[in-house]
Amino acid sequence: MTGETAVLIDGPWTHRTVTAAGTRFHVAEAGDGPLVLLLHGFPQFWWTWHGQFAPLVDAGYRVAAVDLRGYGASDKPPRGYDLITLASDAAGLVRALGEANAAVVGHATGGLLGWTMAAYHPKSVRRLAVLSMPHPLRLRGAMLAGRQGWASRRFYGFQLPVLPERRLLADDAAPVAAMLSGWSRPGWPDPVTERRCRDAFQVPGVAHASLEAHRWLFRSQARPDGHRYMRRMRRPIAVPTLHLHGALDPFLLPGTARGSGRFVDAPYRWRLIDGAGHFPHQEQPDRVNRALTGWLADAEPDT
């Protein structure tokens, strides 16, 4: 199953289409209460958050997990994969869902969007939780260093035209499975997760769109738009921030993420998730759910 129906997975949520800034987004939604917007990373789709729905709904929140631009059952336009546009998409989704702001939870690429939303659209972000992603300024500095640059070497291969897309889709999207297993703790993912991610990446247009975001992040470093972005990201994040990172993450090293709090001028809580690699919310969902719901409920979320 490789069409968009592959991502319309049944569960205790409702699928709907929401339009923001002229782009259609697929959202899985459940619960009532303050909005929690869940932003997935690469190489995944909204279902990456399936283990967070029930705990968040039970804790009294309205949960919305979105397929980002270019993924799943959302639109896949030919452009708009820079972080500024993607963050504007997410801020527009908050408004389209009828809310003034949301607790934004982002994993990996979705975490970059969360950092960017908090800088560019601070009124849309009530609280920020970032998993498996350093602040963009920490990431840029670390990518030039030895250990992190080597750990993220696959990122550089994504810069080639056309060929990376073909490689991602080869052999029933086997490279997607290789990234999931190679970046996680031993024994993960389970067969269901692997199958669903492989199917989701074979939805037409997804492989190309997902790589365009990585290409912008790299190529913009030498362009005016990238310089403007990094200048803007020097402004301190002014919303309470929870920062979770897998202690075993071999792709974005814990030492790279540690220290991102210097860019946050608000309560900041850093937690390593033992026994987890790059996908802590799926590898160790109970630990992540306790950290997330406890932090959301904390009226004074200090360190």
Protein backbone atom coordinates (compact mmCIF):
# COMPACT_ATOMS: atom_id res chain seq x y z
CA MET A 1 0.00 0.00 0.00
CA THR A 2 1.89 3.06 -1.24
CA GLY A 3 -0.78 5.71 -1.85
CA GLU A 4 -1.91 8.32 0.66
CA THR A 5 -4.32 5.81 2.16
CA ALA A 6 -1.24 4.14 3.66
CA VAL A 7 -1.07 6.90 6.28
CA LEU A 8 -4.80 6.97 7.14
CA ILE A 9 -4.36 4.49 9.96
CA ASP A 10 -7.31 3.68 12.19
CA GLY A 11 -7.11 4.39 15.89
CA PRO A 12 -8.53 6.51 18.72
CA TRP A 13 -8.24 9.65 16.62
CA THR A 14 -10.08 11.37 13.79
CA HIS A 15 -8.51 12.14 10.42
CA ARG A 16 -9.27 15.52 8.89
CA THR A 17 -7.88 17.97 6.35
CA VAL A 18 -7.03 21.48 7.50
CA THR A 19 -6.02 24.34 5.19
CA ALA A 20 -3.41 26.86 6.30
CA ALA A 21 -1.88 29.51 4.03
CA GLY A 22 -3.35 27.84 0.97
CA THR A 23 -1.83 24.44 1.71
CA ARG A 24 -3.84 21.37 2.76
CA PHE A 25 -2.58 19.41 5.73
CA HIS A 26 -3.62 16.02 6.98
CA VAL A 27 -4.16 16.01 10.76
CA ALA A 28 -4.98 13.18 13.16
CA GLU A 29 -6.82 14.62 16.15
CA ALA A 30 -8.27 13.48 19.48
CA GLY A 31 -9.32 14.87 22.85
CA ASP A 32 -10.49 18.16 24.27
CA GLY A 33 -8.67 20.88 26.14
CA PRO A 34 -5.57 22.98 25.46
CA LEU A 35 -4.04 22.18 22.08
CA VAL A 36 -0.86 20.10 21.80
CA LEU A 37 0.53 20.18 18.24
CA LEU A 38 2.81 17.25 17.36
CA LEU A 39 5.38 17.70 14.57
CA HIS A 40 7.12 14.57 13.26
CA GLY A 41 10.65 14.18 11.98
CA PHE A 42 12.49 12.34 9.20
CA PRO A 43 11.99 9.65 7.90
CA GLN A 44 8.53 9.40 9.43
CA PHE A 45 4.99 10.83 9.36
CA TRP A 46 2.24 11.77 11.83
CA TRP A 47 1.89 8.19 13.16
CA THR A 48 5.27 8.53 14.90
CA TRP A 49 3.22 10.03 17.77
CA HIS A 50 0.64 7.23 18.12
CA GLY A 51 2.01 6.29 21.54
CA GLN A 52 1.51 9.82 22.85
CA PHE A 53 -2.18 10.22 21.97
CA ALA A 54 -3.77 8.32 24.87
CA PRO A 55 -1.54 9.75 27.65
CA LEU A 56 -2.03 13.31 26.44
CA VAL A 57 -5.78 12.94 25.92
CA ASP A 58 -6.13 11.30 29.35
CA ALA A 59 -4.22 14.24 30.82
CA GLY A 60 -6.83 16.64 29.43
CA TYR A 61 -5.34 17.86 26.17
CA ARG A 62 -6.53 18.16 22.60
CA VAL A 63 -3.91 16.40 20.48
CA ALA A 64 -3.25 17.13 16.81
CA ALA A 65 -0.50 15.26 14.93
CA VAL A 66 0.15 16.66 11.46
CA ASP A 67 1.76 15.37 8.30
CA LEU A 68 4.20 18.18 7.50
CA ARG A 69 4.26 19.80 4.07
CA GLY A 70 5.46 17.18 1.61
CA TYR A 71 4.64 14.17 3.80
CA GLY A 72 1.85 11.64 4.14
CA ALA A 73 -1.56 12.88 3.05
CA SER A 74 -0.64 16.58 3.14
CA ASP A 75 0.02 18.66 0.02
CA LYS A 76 3.38 18.28 -1.70
CA PRO A 77 4.00 21.58 -3.50
CA PRO A 78 7.22 22.05 -5.47
CA ARG A 79 8.65 24.62 -3.05
CA GLY A 80 8.35 25.95 0.48
CA TYR A 81 10.66 23.54 2.32
CA ASP A 82 12.75 26.18 4.08
CA LEU A 83 12.39 26.30 7.85
CA ILE A 84 10.74 29.72 7.80
CA THR A 85 7.91 28.55 5.54
CA LEU A 86 7.54 25.24 7.38
CA ALA A 87 7.30 27.06 10.72
CA SER A 88 4.74 29.43 9.21
CA ASP A 89 2.76 26.35 8.13
CA ALA A 90 2.71 25.12 11.72
CA ALA A 91 1.76 28.51 13.14
CA GLY A 92 -1.03 28.73 10.55
CA LEU A 93 -2.23 25.28 11.58
CA VAL A 94 -2.63 26.45 15.17
CA ARG A 95 -4.94 29.21 13.96
CA ALA A 96 -6.73 26.92 11.49
CA LEU A 97 -7.45 24.54 14.37
CA GLY A 98 -9.22 27.43 16.11
CA GLU A 99 -6.61 28.21 18.76
CA ALA A 100 -4.47 31.23 19.51
CA ASN A 101 -1.53 29.10 20.63
CA ALA A 102 -0.43 25.55 21.35
CA ALA A 103 2.08 23.50 23.23
CA VAL A 104 4.31 22.53 20.32
CA VAL A 105 6.12 19.18 20.47
CA GLY A 106 8.59 18.47 17.69
CA HIS A 107 10.89 15.54 16.97
CA ALA A 108 14.06 15.93 14.88
CA THR A 109 13.06 18.00 11.82
CA GLY A 110 9.84 18.80 13.67
CA GLY A 111 12.03 19.97 16.54
CA LEU A 112 13.77 22.41 14.19
CA LEU A 113 10.31 23.72 13.29
CA GLY A 114 9.53 24.07 16.98
CA TRP A 115 12.67 26.10 17.64
CA THR A 116 11.89 28.21 14.57
CA MET A 117 8.23 28.75 15.54
CA ALA A 118 9.28 29.96 18.98
CA ALA A 119 11.57 32.55 17.36
CA TYR A 120 9.41 33.62 14.42
CA HIS A 121 5.88 33.09 15.82
CA PRO A 122 6.25 33.26 19.61
CA LYS A 123 2.58 34.12 20.16
CA SER A 124 1.63 30.77 18.58
CA VAL A 125 3.74 28.76 21.03
CA ARG A 126 2.49 28.39 24.61
CA ARG A 127 5.20 25.89 25.50
CA LEU A 128 7.85 24.12 23.46
CA ALA A 129 9.08 20.53 23.71
CA VAL A 130 11.92 19.41 21.45
CA LEU A 131 13.05 15.80 21.01
CA SER A 132 16.31 14.74 19.38
CA MET A 133 17.28 18.12 17.97
CA PRO A 134 19.70 20.77 19.22
CA HIS A 135 18.98 24.45 18.79
CA PRO A 136 19.82 25.41 15.16
CA LEU A 137 22.84 27.44 16.23
CA ARG A 138 24.21 24.50 18.21
CA LEU A 139 23.54 22.22 15.25
CA ARG A 140 25.36 24.46 12.79
CA GLY A 141 28.43 24.71 14.97
CA ALA A 142 28.53 20.98 15.71
CA MET A 143 28.15 19.93 12.06
CA LEU A 144 31.50 21.57 11.40
CA ALA A 145 33.14 19.55 14.17
CA GLY A 146 34.56 16.07 13.87
CA ARG A 147 32.30 13.68 15.80
CA GLN A 148 28.93 15.24 14.90
CA GLY A 149 29.93 15.86 11.30
CA TRP A 150 30.83 12.18 10.91
CA ALA A 151 27.70 10.98 12.77
CA SER A 152 25.51 12.99 10.38
CA ARG A 153 27.42 12.10 7.22
CA ARG A 154 24.27 10.76 5.54
CA PHE A 155 22.98 14.36 5.59
CA TYR A 156 25.70 15.41 3.15
CA GLY A 157 24.74 12.69 0.71
CA PHE A 158 21.22 14.13 0.57
CA GLN A 159 22.58 17.22 -1.22
CA LEU A 160 22.99 15.43 -4.55
CA PRO A 161 20.15 15.87 -7.08
CA VAL A 162 17.76 13.01 -7.92
CA LEU A 163 19.99 10.14 -6.82
CA PRO A 164 19.15 10.30 -3.07
CA GLU A 165 15.43 10.05 -3.84
CA ARG A 166 16.01 6.95 -5.94
CA ARG A 167 18.14 5.41 -3.22
CA LEU A 168 15.52 6.07 -0.55
CA LEU A 169 12.87 4.25 -2.55
CA ALA A 170 15.04 1.35 -3.71
CA ASP A 171 14.13 -2.18 -2.66
CA ASP A 172 10.75 -1.27 -1.16
CA ALA A 173 12.24 1.76 0.68
CA ALA A 174 14.81 -0.41 2.44
CA PRO A 175 17.03 2.63 3.25
CA VAL A 176 14.20 4.03 5.38
CA ALA A 177 14.26 0.85 7.44
CA ALA A 178 18.04 1.07 7.65
CA MET A 179 17.87 4.63 9.03
CA LEU A 180 15.27 3.66 11.62
CA SER A 181 17.31 0.72 12.90
CA GLY A 182 20.70 2.41 12.53
CA TRP A 183 19.72 5.50 14.52
CA SER A 184 17.86 3.72 17.32
CA ARG A 185 18.56 1.40 20.24
CA PRO A 186 19.21 -2.28 19.43
CA GLY A 187 16.00 -4.17 18.70
CA TRP A 188 13.98 -1.23 17.38
CA PRO A 189 11.90 -0.69 15.26
CA ASP A 190 9.25 -3.35 15.53
CA PRO A 191 7.97 -4.80 12.21
CA VAL A 192 4.75 -2.73 12.22
CA THR A 193 6.59 0.58 12.63
CA GLU A 194 9.10 -0.32 9.96
CA ARG A 195 6.40 -1.34 7.49
CA ARG A 196 4.34 1.80 8.04
CA CYS A 197 7.32 4.12 7.59
CA ARG A 198 8.42 2.30 4.45
CA ASP A 199 4.91 2.58 3.01
CA ALA A 200 4.60 6.25 3.98
CA PHE A 201 7.83 7.12 2.19
CA GLN A 202 6.58 5.50 -1.00
CA VAL A 203 3.65 7.91 -1.21
CA PRO A 204 4.40 9.80 -4.45
CA GLY A 205 6.37 12.98 -3.83
CA VAL A 206 7.38 12.29 -0.23
CA ALA A 207 10.97 11.21 -0.86
CA HIS A 208 11.73 14.35 -2.85
CA ALA A 209 9.92 16.76 -0.54
CA SER A 210 11.54 15.35 2.59
CA LEU A 211 15.01 15.80 1.11
CA GLU A 212 14.28 19.36 -0.03
CA ALA A 213 14.11 20.45 3.61
CA HIS A 214 17.56 18.93 4.26
CA ARG A 215 18.91 20.59 1.13
CA TRP A 216 17.68 24.01 2.20
CA LEU A 217 19.24 23.62 5.63
CA PHE A 218 22.65 22.89 4.06
CA ARG A 219 22.64 25.14 1.00
CA SER A 220 21.19 28.19 2.73
CA GLN A 221 24.25 28.48 4.96
CA ALA A 222 26.04 30.42 2.21
CA ARG A 223 22.99 32.40 1.03
CA PRO A 224 21.32 35.58 2.32
CA ASP A 225 18.17 33.71 3.39
CA GLY A 226 20.24 31.38 5.54
CA HIS A 227 22.16 34.27 7.09
CA ARG A 228 18.89 36.05 7.90
CA TYR A 229 17.53 32.89 9.46
CA MET A 230 20.55 32.36 11.70
CA ARG A 231 20.50 36.01 12.79
CA ARG A 232 16.85 35.68 13.76
CA MET A 233 17.58 32.48 15.68
CA ARG A 234 20.05 34.38 17.87
CA ARG A 235 17.05 35.93 19.60
CA PRO A 236 16.48 34.05 22.86
CA ILE A 237 13.57 31.62 22.96
CA ALA A 238 11.08 33.20 25.37
CA VAL A 239 8.72 30.27 26.07
CA PRO A 240 9.16 27.44 28.62
CA THR A 241 11.10 24.67 26.89
CA LEU A 242 11.44 20.96 27.54
CA HIS A 243 14.40 19.34 25.77
CA LEU A 244 14.50 15.53 25.56
CA HIS A 245 17.25 13.53 23.92
CA GLY A 246 17.99 9.83 23.65
CA ALA A 247 21.13 8.91 25.55
CA LEU A 248 22.06 6.44 22.78
CA ASP A 249 21.34 8.71 19.79
CA PRO A 250 24.10 7.96 17.22
CA PHE A 251 22.83 10.45 14.61
CA LEU A 252 22.48 13.68 16.60
CA LEU A 253 24.77 13.16 19.53
CA PRO A 254 23.59 14.06 23.05
CA GLY A 255 26.64 16.28 23.46
CA THR A 256 25.52 18.28 20.45
CA ALA A 257 22.08 18.95 21.91
CA ARG A 258 23.32 19.61 25.44
CA GLY A 259 23.86 23.31 25.96
CA SER A 260 20.94 24.46 23.81
CA GLY A 261 19.53 26.07 26.93
CA ARG A 262 21.88 29.01 26.44
CA PHE A 263 19.50 30.10 23.67
CA VAL A 264 16.41 29.96 25.93
CA ASP A 265 15.52 32.95 28.10
CA ALA A 266 12.71 31.11 29.90
CA PRO A 267 12.39 28.00 32.09
CA TYR A 268 14.37 25.24 30.38
CA ARG A 269 14.38 21.56 31.32
CA TRP A 270 16.92 19.13 29.84
CA ARG A 271 16.41 15.38 30.17
CA LEU A 272 18.34 12.44 28.73
CA ILE A 273 16.14 9.43 27.98
CA ASP A 274 18.07 6.30 28.94
CA GLY A 275 17.77 3.32 26.64
CA ALA A 276 16.70 5.43 23.64
CA GLY A 277 18.37 6.47 20.42
CA HIS A 278 17.10 9.02 17.91
CA PHE A 279 13.40 8.13 18.34
CA PRO A 280 12.88 8.32 22.14
CA HIS A 281 9.10 8.84 21.98
CA GLN A 282 8.78 5.47 20.22
CA GLU A 283 11.72 3.60 21.72
CA GLN A 284 10.88 4.55 25.32
CA PRO A 285 7.31 5.93 25.15
CA ASP A 286 6.52 5.54 28.85
CA ARG A 287 9.54 7.60 29.90
CA VAL A 288 8.84 10.29 27.33
CA ASN A 289 5.13 10.42 28.17
CA ARG A 290 5.85 10.86 31.88
CA ALA A 291 8.33 13.63 31.16
CA LEU A 292 5.99 15.36 28.71
CA THR A 293 2.75 15.20 30.70
CA GLY A 294 4.52 16.14 33.92
CA TRP A 295 6.11 19.16 32.31
CA LEU A 296 2.88 20.29 30.64
CA ALA A 297 1.06 20.10 33.98
CA ASP A 298 3.79 21.98 35.87
CA ALA A 299 2.59 25.51 36.55
CA GLU A 300 6.19 26.62 37.14
CA PRO A 301 8.29 24.50 34.77
CA ASP A 302 11.78 25.26 36.05
CA THR A 303 14.75 22.95 35.55
